[in-house]
Amino acid sequence: MTEPTRIPDRIFNALVDGRLSARVERETREALESDSQGSERAATWQRQSEALHAALAPIAREPLPLSMMLKLRHDKPVAWHRDSTLWSYVGIFAAGVAVGLALDLAMPTLRALIGI
């Protein structure tokens, strides 16, 4: 008799949280039908998840403290970093073009000095 395939913890987590695609969930449930230990393990994880949700739901529904709300409201948006990075790239490109033009203009003089 073949031993059932052990389902990884990450799949159990996703199954319990309802985050599997329909195909993977169907395949996982089919695999659990032939694996009594796996079925019990999945049921235990499901009960644990429900207990955690029930215990922590009141905390999750609490509003954020005023100090945190004010800090979030006054923080600088993340978008500024993207803009400064873009200008850095533009500046580097412009510097490269300037160096290339300078070298192009200096080449006849350099060739004359070297004797090429």
N, C-alpha and C. Protein backbone atom coordinates (compact mmCIF):
# COMPACT_ATOMS: atom_id res chain seq x y z
N MET A 1 0.84 -1.18 0.00
CA MET A 1 0.00 0.00 0.00
C MET A 1 0.89 1.24 0.00
N THR A 2 0.54 2.22 -0.84
CA THR A 2 1.35 3.43 -0.92
C THR A 2 0.98 4.39 0.21
N GLU A 3 1.99 5.06 0.71
CA GLU A 3 1.76 6.02 1.79
C GLU A 3 1.28 7.34 1.20
N PRO A 4 0.30 8.01 1.84
CA PRO A 4 -0.21 9.26 1.29
C PRO A 4 0.87 10.35 1.30
N THR A 5 0.77 11.25 0.34
CA THR A 5 1.72 12.35 0.23
C THR A 5 1.50 13.34 1.36
N ARG A 6 2.58 13.72 2.01
CA ARG A 6 2.47 14.71 3.09
C ARG A 6 2.27 16.10 2.49
N ILE A 7 1.22 16.77 2.96
CA ILE A 7 0.92 18.11 2.45
C ILE A 7 1.72 19.12 3.28
N PRO A 8 2.46 20.01 2.62
CA PRO A 8 3.30 20.98 3.35
C PRO A 8 2.46 21.94 4.21
N ASP A 9 3.10 22.47 5.25
CA ASP A 9 2.43 23.39 6.16
C ASP A 9 1.90 24.63 5.45
N ARG A 10 2.63 25.12 4.46
CA ARG A 10 2.17 26.32 3.76
C ARG A 10 0.85 26.08 3.03
N ILE A 11 0.66 24.84 2.53
CA ILE A 11 -0.60 24.51 1.88
C ILE A 11 -1.72 24.43 2.91
N PHE A 12 -1.41 23.82 4.08
CA PHE A 12 -2.41 23.78 5.14
C PHE A 12 -2.80 25.19 5.56
N ASN A 13 -1.82 26.06 5.73
CA ASN A 13 -2.12 27.44 6.11
C ASN A 13 -3.05 28.09 5.10
N ALA A 14 -2.71 27.96 3.83
CA ALA A 14 -3.52 28.58 2.79
C ALA A 14 -4.91 27.95 2.73
N LEU A 15 -5.01 26.65 2.95
CA LEU A 15 -6.31 25.98 2.95
C LEU A 15 -7.19 26.50 4.08
N VAL A 16 -6.62 26.58 5.28
CA VAL A 16 -7.37 27.05 6.44
C VAL A 16 -7.79 28.51 6.27
N ASP A 17 -6.90 29.32 5.68
CA ASP A 17 -7.20 30.74 5.49
C ASP A 17 -8.07 31.01 4.26
N GLY A 18 -8.34 29.98 3.47
CA GLY A 18 -9.16 30.16 2.28
C GLY A 18 -8.43 30.91 1.18
N ARG A 19 -7.13 30.70 1.06
CA ARG A 19 -6.33 31.44 0.09
C ARG A 19 -5.76 30.56 -1.03
N LEU A 20 -6.30 29.38 -1.20
CA LEU A 20 -5.84 28.53 -2.29
C LEU A 20 -6.69 28.78 -3.52
N SER A 21 -6.10 28.56 -4.68
CA SER A 21 -6.89 28.61 -5.91
C SER A 21 -7.87 27.43 -5.88
N ALA A 22 -8.91 27.53 -6.66
CA ALA A 22 -9.94 26.49 -6.66
C ALA A 22 -9.34 25.12 -7.01
N ARG A 23 -8.45 25.08 -7.98
CA ARG A 23 -7.85 23.82 -8.41
C ARG A 23 -7.00 23.21 -7.30
N VAL A 24 -6.14 24.02 -6.68
CA VAL A 24 -5.25 23.51 -5.63
C VAL A 24 -6.07 23.09 -4.41
N GLU A 25 -7.11 23.85 -4.08
CA GLU A 25 -7.95 23.48 -2.95
C GLU A 25 -8.65 22.14 -3.21
N ARG A 26 -9.16 21.97 -4.42
CA ARG A 26 -9.83 20.70 -4.76
C ARG A 26 -8.84 19.53 -4.67
N GLU A 27 -7.62 19.72 -5.22
CA GLU A 27 -6.62 18.65 -5.17
C GLU A 27 -6.21 18.35 -3.73
N THR A 28 -6.09 19.38 -2.90
CA THR A 28 -5.70 19.19 -1.51
C THR A 28 -6.79 18.44 -0.75
N ARG A 29 -8.03 18.83 -0.95
CA ARG A 29 -9.14 18.13 -0.27
C ARG A 29 -9.25 16.67 -0.73
N GLU A 30 -9.00 16.42 -2.01
CA GLU A 30 -9.00 15.04 -2.50
C GLU A 30 -7.88 14.24 -1.85
N ALA A 31 -6.71 14.84 -1.70
CA ALA A 31 -5.60 14.16 -1.05
C ALA A 31 -5.91 13.89 0.42
N LEU A 32 -6.62 14.79 1.06
CA LEU A 32 -6.96 14.62 2.48
C LEU A 32 -8.00 13.51 2.70
N GLU A 33 -8.83 13.25 1.69
CA GLU A 33 -9.84 12.20 1.82
C GLU A 33 -9.21 10.83 2.04
N SER A 34 -8.04 10.62 1.44
CA SER A 34 -7.38 9.31 1.58
C SER A 34 -6.32 9.31 2.68
N ASP A 35 -6.19 10.40 3.42
CA ASP A 35 -5.16 10.52 4.45
C ASP A 35 -5.84 10.92 5.77
N SER A 36 -6.06 9.93 6.64
CA SER A 36 -6.76 10.21 7.89
C SER A 36 -5.95 11.12 8.81
N GLN A 37 -4.63 10.93 8.85
CA GLN A 37 -3.79 11.80 9.68
C GLN A 37 -3.81 13.24 9.15
N GLY A 38 -3.73 13.37 7.85
CA GLY A 38 -3.77 14.70 7.24
C GLY A 38 -5.11 15.37 7.47
N SER A 39 -6.19 14.60 7.38
CA SER A 39 -7.52 15.16 7.62
C SER A 39 -7.66 15.66 9.05
N GLU A 40 -7.16 14.88 10.00
CA GLU A 40 -7.21 15.30 11.40
C GLU A 40 -6.34 16.54 11.62
N ARG A 41 -5.20 16.54 10.98
CA ARG A 41 -4.30 17.70 11.08
C ARG A 41 -4.97 18.95 10.53
N ALA A 42 -5.63 18.84 9.38
CA ALA A 42 -6.31 19.99 8.78
C ALA A 42 -7.46 20.46 9.67
N ALA A 43 -8.19 19.52 10.26
CA ALA A 43 -9.29 19.89 11.16
C ALA A 43 -8.76 20.60 12.40
N THR A 44 -7.63 20.14 12.91
CA THR A 44 -7.02 20.79 14.08
C THR A 44 -6.60 22.21 13.74
N TRP A 45 -5.98 22.38 12.59
CA TRP A 45 -5.56 23.71 12.16
C TRP A 45 -6.77 24.63 11.98
N GLN A 46 -7.86 24.08 11.43
CA GLN A 46 -9.08 24.87 11.22
C GLN A 46 -9.64 25.32 12.56
N ARG A 47 -9.71 24.41 13.54
CA ARG A 47 -10.21 24.79 14.88
C ARG A 47 -9.31 25.85 15.51
N GLN A 48 -8.01 25.69 15.37
CA GLN A 48 -7.07 26.66 15.93
C GLN A 48 -7.26 28.03 15.28
N SER A 49 -7.43 28.06 13.98
CA SER A 49 -7.63 29.32 13.27
C SER A 49 -8.91 30.01 13.72
N GLU A 50 -9.99 29.22 13.85
CA GLU A 50 -11.26 29.79 14.31
C GLU A 50 -11.14 30.33 15.73
N ALA A 51 -10.41 29.61 16.60
CA ALA A 51 -10.23 30.07 17.98
C ALA A 51 -9.44 31.37 18.02
N LEU A 52 -8.39 31.46 17.20
CA LEU A 52 -7.60 32.69 17.15
C LEU A 52 -8.42 33.87 16.64
N HIS A 53 -9.19 33.63 15.60
CA HIS A 53 -10.04 34.70 15.06
C HIS A 53 -11.05 35.16 16.11
N ALA A 54 -11.65 34.22 16.81
CA ALA A 54 -12.64 34.58 17.84
C ALA A 54 -11.97 35.36 18.99
N ALA A 55 -10.78 34.95 19.37
CA ALA A 55 -10.09 35.60 20.49
C ALA A 55 -9.58 36.99 20.12
N LEU A 56 -9.13 37.18 18.89
CA LEU A 56 -8.50 38.43 18.51
C LEU A 56 -9.41 39.39 17.76
N ALA A 57 -10.62 38.96 17.40
CA ALA A 57 -11.53 39.83 16.65
C ALA A 57 -11.83 41.14 17.36
N PRO A 58 -12.07 41.14 18.69
CA PRO A 58 -12.34 42.43 19.34
C PRO A 58 -11.17 43.41 19.23
N ILE A 59 -9.96 42.91 19.30
CA ILE A 59 -8.77 43.78 19.19
C ILE A 59 -8.65 44.31 17.76
N ALA A 60 -8.93 43.46 16.79
CA ALA A 60 -8.81 43.87 15.39
C ALA A 60 -9.83 44.94 15.03
N ARG A 61 -10.96 44.97 15.73
CA ARG A 61 -12.00 45.96 15.43
C ARG A 61 -11.78 47.29 16.15
N GLU A 62 -10.81 47.36 17.07
CA GLU A 62 -10.55 48.60 17.80
C GLU A 62 -10.00 49.66 16.84
N PRO A 63 -10.40 50.92 17.05
CA PRO A 63 -9.83 51.98 16.21
C PRO A 63 -8.38 52.24 16.59
N LEU A 64 -7.64 52.79 15.64
CA LEU A 64 -6.24 53.13 15.92
C LEU A 64 -6.19 54.30 16.91
N PRO A 65 -5.16 54.34 17.75
CA PRO A 65 -5.01 55.48 18.66
C PRO A 65 -4.82 56.78 17.88
N LEU A 66 -5.27 57.89 18.47
CA LEU A 66 -5.19 59.19 17.81
C LEU A 66 -3.75 59.55 17.45
N SER A 67 -2.80 59.26 18.33
CA SER A 67 -1.40 59.60 18.05
C SER A 67 -0.91 58.88 16.79
N MET A 68 -1.32 57.65 16.60
CA MET A 68 -0.90 56.90 15.42
C MET A 68 -1.59 57.45 14.17
N MET A 69 -2.87 57.81 14.31
CA MET A 69 -3.60 58.37 13.16
C MET A 69 -2.93 59.68 12.70
N LEU A 70 -2.55 60.54 13.67
CA LEU A 70 -1.90 61.81 13.33
C LEU A 70 -0.54 61.58 12.68
N LYS A 71 0.21 60.60 13.19
CA LYS A 71 1.52 60.30 12.61
C LYS A 71 1.37 59.80 11.18
N LEU A 72 0.41 58.93 10.94
CA LEU A 72 0.20 58.42 9.59
C LEU A 72 -0.25 59.53 8.64
N ARG A 73 -1.04 60.45 9.15
CA ARG A 73 -1.55 61.53 8.31
C ARG A 73 -0.44 62.50 7.91
N HIS A 74 0.56 62.70 8.79
CA HIS A 74 1.59 63.70 8.53
C HIS A 74 2.88 63.11 7.95
N ASP A 75 2.97 61.82 7.82
CA ASP A 75 4.16 61.22 7.22
C ASP A 75 4.22 61.56 5.74
N LYS A 76 5.46 61.69 5.25
CA LYS A 76 5.67 62.00 3.84
C LYS A 76 5.29 60.78 3.00
N PRO A 77 4.58 60.97 1.90
CA PRO A 77 4.23 59.83 1.06
C PRO A 77 5.47 59.15 0.48
N VAL A 78 5.33 57.90 0.15
CA VAL A 78 6.44 57.11 -0.38
C VAL A 78 6.79 57.52 -1.80
N ALA A 79 5.88 58.17 -2.50
CA ALA A 79 6.09 58.49 -3.92
C ALA A 79 7.29 59.40 -4.15
N TRP A 80 7.71 60.20 -3.16
CA TRP A 80 8.84 61.11 -3.37
C TRP A 80 10.10 60.34 -3.73
N HIS A 81 10.27 59.16 -3.18
CA HIS A 81 11.47 58.36 -3.46
C HIS A 81 11.53 57.99 -4.93
N ARG A 82 10.40 57.63 -5.48
CA ARG A 82 10.34 57.24 -6.89
C ARG A 82 10.72 58.43 -7.77
N ASP A 83 10.23 59.64 -7.42
CA ASP A 83 10.55 60.82 -8.22
C ASP A 83 12.03 61.17 -8.15
N SER A 84 12.62 61.11 -6.95
CA SER A 84 14.04 61.44 -6.82
C SER A 84 14.89 60.41 -7.55
N THR A 85 14.49 59.16 -7.55
CA THR A 85 15.23 58.13 -8.28
C THR A 85 15.19 58.40 -9.78
N LEU A 86 14.04 58.82 -10.28
CA LEU A 86 13.91 59.14 -11.70
C LEU A 86 14.85 60.27 -12.07
N TRP A 87 14.90 61.33 -11.26
CA TRP A 87 15.78 62.45 -11.57
C TRP A 87 17.25 62.06 -11.46
N SER A 88 17.56 61.13 -10.58
CA SER A 88 18.94 60.64 -10.49
C SER A 88 19.33 59.95 -11.80
N TYR A 89 18.44 59.12 -12.32
CA TYR A 89 18.72 58.45 -13.59
C TYR A 89 18.87 59.44 -14.73
N VAL A 90 18.01 60.45 -14.76
CA VAL A 90 18.10 61.47 -15.81
C VAL A 90 19.43 62.21 -15.71
N GLY A 91 19.84 62.55 -14.48
CA GLY A 91 21.12 63.25 -14.28
C GLY A 91 22.31 62.41 -14.70
N ILE A 92 22.28 61.14 -14.36
CA ILE A 92 23.38 60.23 -14.74
C ILE A 92 23.45 60.08 -16.25
N PHE A 93 22.29 59.98 -16.89
CA PHE A 93 22.25 59.87 -18.36
C PHE A 93 22.83 61.14 -18.99
N ALA A 94 22.42 62.30 -18.48
CA ALA A 94 22.91 63.57 -19.03
C ALA A 94 24.42 63.70 -18.84
N ALA A 95 24.93 63.27 -17.68
CA ALA A 95 26.37 63.32 -17.44
C ALA A 95 27.10 62.40 -18.42
N GLY A 96 26.54 61.23 -18.69
CA GLY A 96 27.16 60.31 -19.64
C GLY A 96 27.19 60.90 -21.04
N VAL A 97 26.11 61.56 -21.45
CA VAL A 97 26.08 62.20 -22.77
C VAL A 97 27.13 63.31 -22.84
N ALA A 98 27.25 64.11 -21.77
CA ALA A 98 28.23 65.21 -21.75
C ALA A 98 29.65 64.67 -21.84
N VAL A 99 29.96 63.61 -21.11
CA VAL A 99 31.30 63.02 -21.16
C VAL A 99 31.57 62.45 -22.56
N GLY A 100 30.57 61.81 -23.14
CA GLY A 100 30.73 61.28 -24.50
C GLY A 100 31.01 62.37 -25.52
N LEU A 101 30.27 63.49 -25.44
CA LEU A 101 30.50 64.60 -26.37
C LEU A 101 31.88 65.23 -26.16
N ALA A 102 32.27 65.37 -24.89
CA ALA A 102 33.58 65.94 -24.61
C ALA A 102 34.69 65.06 -25.18
N LEU A 103 34.57 63.77 -25.02
CA LEU A 103 35.58 62.85 -25.58
C LEU A 103 35.58 62.90 -27.10
N ASP A 104 34.41 63.02 -27.70
CA ASP A 104 34.32 63.08 -29.15
C ASP A 104 35.01 64.33 -29.67
N LEU A 105 34.83 65.45 -28.96
CA LEU A 105 35.48 66.69 -29.38
C LEU A 105 36.99 66.65 -29.14
N ALA A 106 37.41 65.94 -28.10
CA ALA A 106 38.84 65.90 -27.74
C ALA A 106 39.63 64.87 -28.55
N MET A 107 38.97 63.97 -29.23
CA MET A 107 39.67 62.89 -29.95
C MET A 107 40.65 63.39 -31.00
N PRO A 108 40.29 64.37 -31.84
CA PRO A 108 41.29 64.82 -32.83
C PRO A 108 42.57 65.37 -32.18
N THR A 109 42.40 66.09 -31.08
CA THR A 109 43.57 66.61 -30.37
C THR A 109 44.39 65.47 -29.77
N LEU A 110 43.72 64.51 -29.16
CA LEU A 110 44.42 63.37 -28.57
C LEU A 110 45.14 62.55 -29.64
N ARG A 111 44.53 62.37 -30.78
CA ARG A 111 45.17 61.61 -31.87
C ARG A 111 46.41 62.35 -32.36
N ALA A 112 46.30 63.66 -32.45
CA ALA A 112 47.46 64.45 -32.92
C ALA A 112 48.61 64.34 -31.92
N LEU A 113 48.28 64.36 -30.63
CA LEU A 113 49.33 64.27 -29.61
C LEU A 113 50.00 62.90 -29.62
N ILE A 114 49.19 61.85 -29.80
CA ILE A 114 49.71 60.50 -29.77
C ILE A 114 50.43 60.18 -31.09
N GLY A 115 49.98 60.77 -32.18
CA GLY A 115 50.63 60.53 -33.47
C GLY A 115 49.94 59.42 -34.25
N ILE A 116 48.66 59.25 -34.04
CA ILE A 116 47.92 58.22 -34.79
C ILE A 116 47.42 58.80 -36.08
